[in-house]
Amino acid sequence: MRDIKFRAWDGKRMFDAFDLIPELNRPVGNITVGTFKPSTIMLQYTGMKDRTGKEIYEGDIVDTGQGLIAPVTYHGGCFGVTNSEKGRTIYSTGFEVIGNVYENPDLL
């Protein structure tokens, strides 16, 4: 069974979404959780890690090692990247996370 994890993006920083549960109403960094309103929940952990051991989340930008840099998306019941020439590619252990669509949109 894989871990269920989410990340939140507030427009400036990324947070572990489970640290932001309002009922906890405790400080996280320089914010109080009860007043934090994330503009985006950065979707779910895929349950997979890249070739360096970094966790891969939906919305992360990966280098496939095959000349394709693309965001990880959830489609048709699985996580993967889309290559406009070859269609859908399911996760490969050769992927490496190089950023995400919120902090690094210039990578796309």
Protein backbone atom coordinates (compact mmCIF):
# COMPACT_ATOMS: atom_id res chain seq x y z
CA MET A 1 0.00 0.00 0.00
CA ARG A 2 1.33 3.45 -0.87
CA ASP A 3 1.47 6.50 1.36
CA ILE A 4 -1.32 9.03 0.88
CA LYS A 5 0.30 12.48 0.81
CA PHE A 6 -0.60 15.89 -0.59
CA ARG A 7 1.26 19.18 -1.00
CA ALA A 8 -0.21 22.69 -0.86
CA TRP A 9 0.99 25.77 -2.74
CA ASP A 10 0.18 29.21 -1.29
CA GLY A 11 1.50 31.21 -4.21
CA LYS A 12 4.95 31.52 -2.65
CA ARG A 13 5.87 28.28 -0.90
CA MET A 14 5.09 24.58 -0.93
CA PHE A 15 3.77 22.85 2.21
CA ASP A 16 2.91 19.32 3.27
CA ALA A 17 -0.89 19.57 3.09
CA PHE A 18 -1.42 17.38 6.16
CA ASP A 19 0.47 20.02 8.16
CA LEU A 20 -2.23 22.50 7.15
CA ILE A 21 -5.30 20.85 8.66
CA PRO A 22 -7.17 23.83 10.20
CA GLU A 23 -8.33 21.87 13.25
CA LEU A 24 -4.72 21.70 14.40
CA ASN A 25 -4.49 25.50 14.46
CA ARG A 26 -0.78 25.42 15.09
CA PRO A 27 2.10 27.40 13.58
CA VAL A 28 3.76 26.06 10.44
CA GLY A 29 6.75 28.20 9.58
CA ASN A 30 5.63 31.84 9.71
CA ILE A 31 1.90 31.15 9.36
CA THR A 32 -0.87 29.96 11.63
CA VAL A 33 -2.58 26.98 10.11
CA GLY A 34 -6.08 28.12 11.07
CA THR A 35 -5.70 31.25 8.91
CA PHE A 36 -3.85 29.68 5.98
CA LYS A 37 -5.82 29.57 2.73
CA PRO A 38 -3.81 27.71 0.10
CA SER A 39 -4.60 28.78 -3.43
CA THR A 40 -3.77 25.34 -4.75
CA ILE A 41 -3.59 21.84 -3.34
CA MET A 42 -0.78 20.33 -5.34
CA LEU A 43 -2.50 17.06 -5.77
CA GLN A 44 -1.38 13.67 -4.70
CA TYR A 45 1.84 11.77 -4.14
CA THR A 46 2.11 9.13 -6.87
CA GLY A 47 3.58 6.51 -4.56
CA MET A 48 6.73 6.49 -6.69
CA LYS A 49 10.18 8.00 -6.41
CA ASP A 50 12.51 9.28 -9.10
CA ARG A 51 15.94 7.88 -9.85
CA THR A 52 17.46 9.98 -7.04
CA GLY A 53 14.92 8.81 -4.46
CA LYS A 54 12.79 11.99 -4.47
CA GLU A 55 9.03 11.49 -4.10
CA ILE A 56 7.04 12.27 -7.26
CA TYR A 57 3.80 14.26 -6.95
CA GLU A 58 1.19 15.04 -9.58
CA GLY A 59 2.20 18.46 -10.94
CA ASP A 60 5.92 17.75 -10.65
CA ILE A 61 7.96 18.32 -13.79
CA VAL A 62 10.16 15.37 -14.69
CA ASP A 63 12.97 14.73 -17.11
CA THR A 64 12.24 11.28 -18.53
CA GLY A 65 15.84 10.74 -19.59
CA GLN A 66 14.58 10.22 -23.15
CA GLY A 67 14.50 13.82 -24.33
CA LEU A 68 11.11 14.63 -22.80
CA ILE A 69 10.48 17.13 -20.01
CA ALA A 70 6.83 17.07 -18.94
CA PRO A 71 4.49 17.43 -15.96
CA VAL A 72 3.20 14.37 -14.15
CA THR A 73 -0.58 14.05 -14.51
CA TYR A 74 -3.28 11.62 -13.46
CA HIS A 75 -5.28 10.24 -16.38
CA GLY A 76 -7.11 7.03 -17.05
CA GLY A 77 -6.44 5.62 -13.60
CA CYS A 78 -2.68 6.11 -13.55
CA PHE A 79 0.05 8.70 -13.14
CA GLY A 80 2.41 9.44 -16.02
CA VAL A 81 3.56 12.01 -18.54
CA THR A 82 2.31 12.73 -22.03
CA ASN A 83 4.50 12.92 -25.09
CA SER A 84 2.62 14.56 -27.97
CA GLU A 85 4.40 12.32 -30.46
CA LYS A 86 4.20 9.01 -28.61
CA GLY A 87 1.11 9.46 -26.42
CA ARG A 88 1.00 8.49 -22.77
CA THR A 89 4.05 7.21 -20.90
CA ILE A 90 3.54 5.42 -17.62
CA TYR A 91 6.04 6.13 -14.85
CA SER A 92 9.58 4.89 -15.42
CA THR A 93 12.38 4.53 -12.88
CA GLY A 94 14.51 6.72 -15.17
CA PHE A 95 12.45 9.84 -14.40
CA GLU A 96 14.00 12.68 -12.41
CA VAL A 97 12.02 15.47 -10.73
CA ILE A 98 13.42 18.82 -11.87
CA GLY A 99 10.68 21.12 -10.55
CA ASN A 100 6.92 21.58 -10.46
CA VAL A 101 4.32 23.45 -12.48
CA TYR A 102 3.84 26.10 -9.76
CA GLU A 103 7.39 27.08 -8.90
CA ASN A 104 9.04 26.28 -12.25
CA PRO A 105 6.56 26.82 -15.12
CA ASP A 106 9.47 28.06 -17.26
CA LEU A 107 10.75 24.44 -17.47
CA LEU A 108 7.83 23.54 -19.72
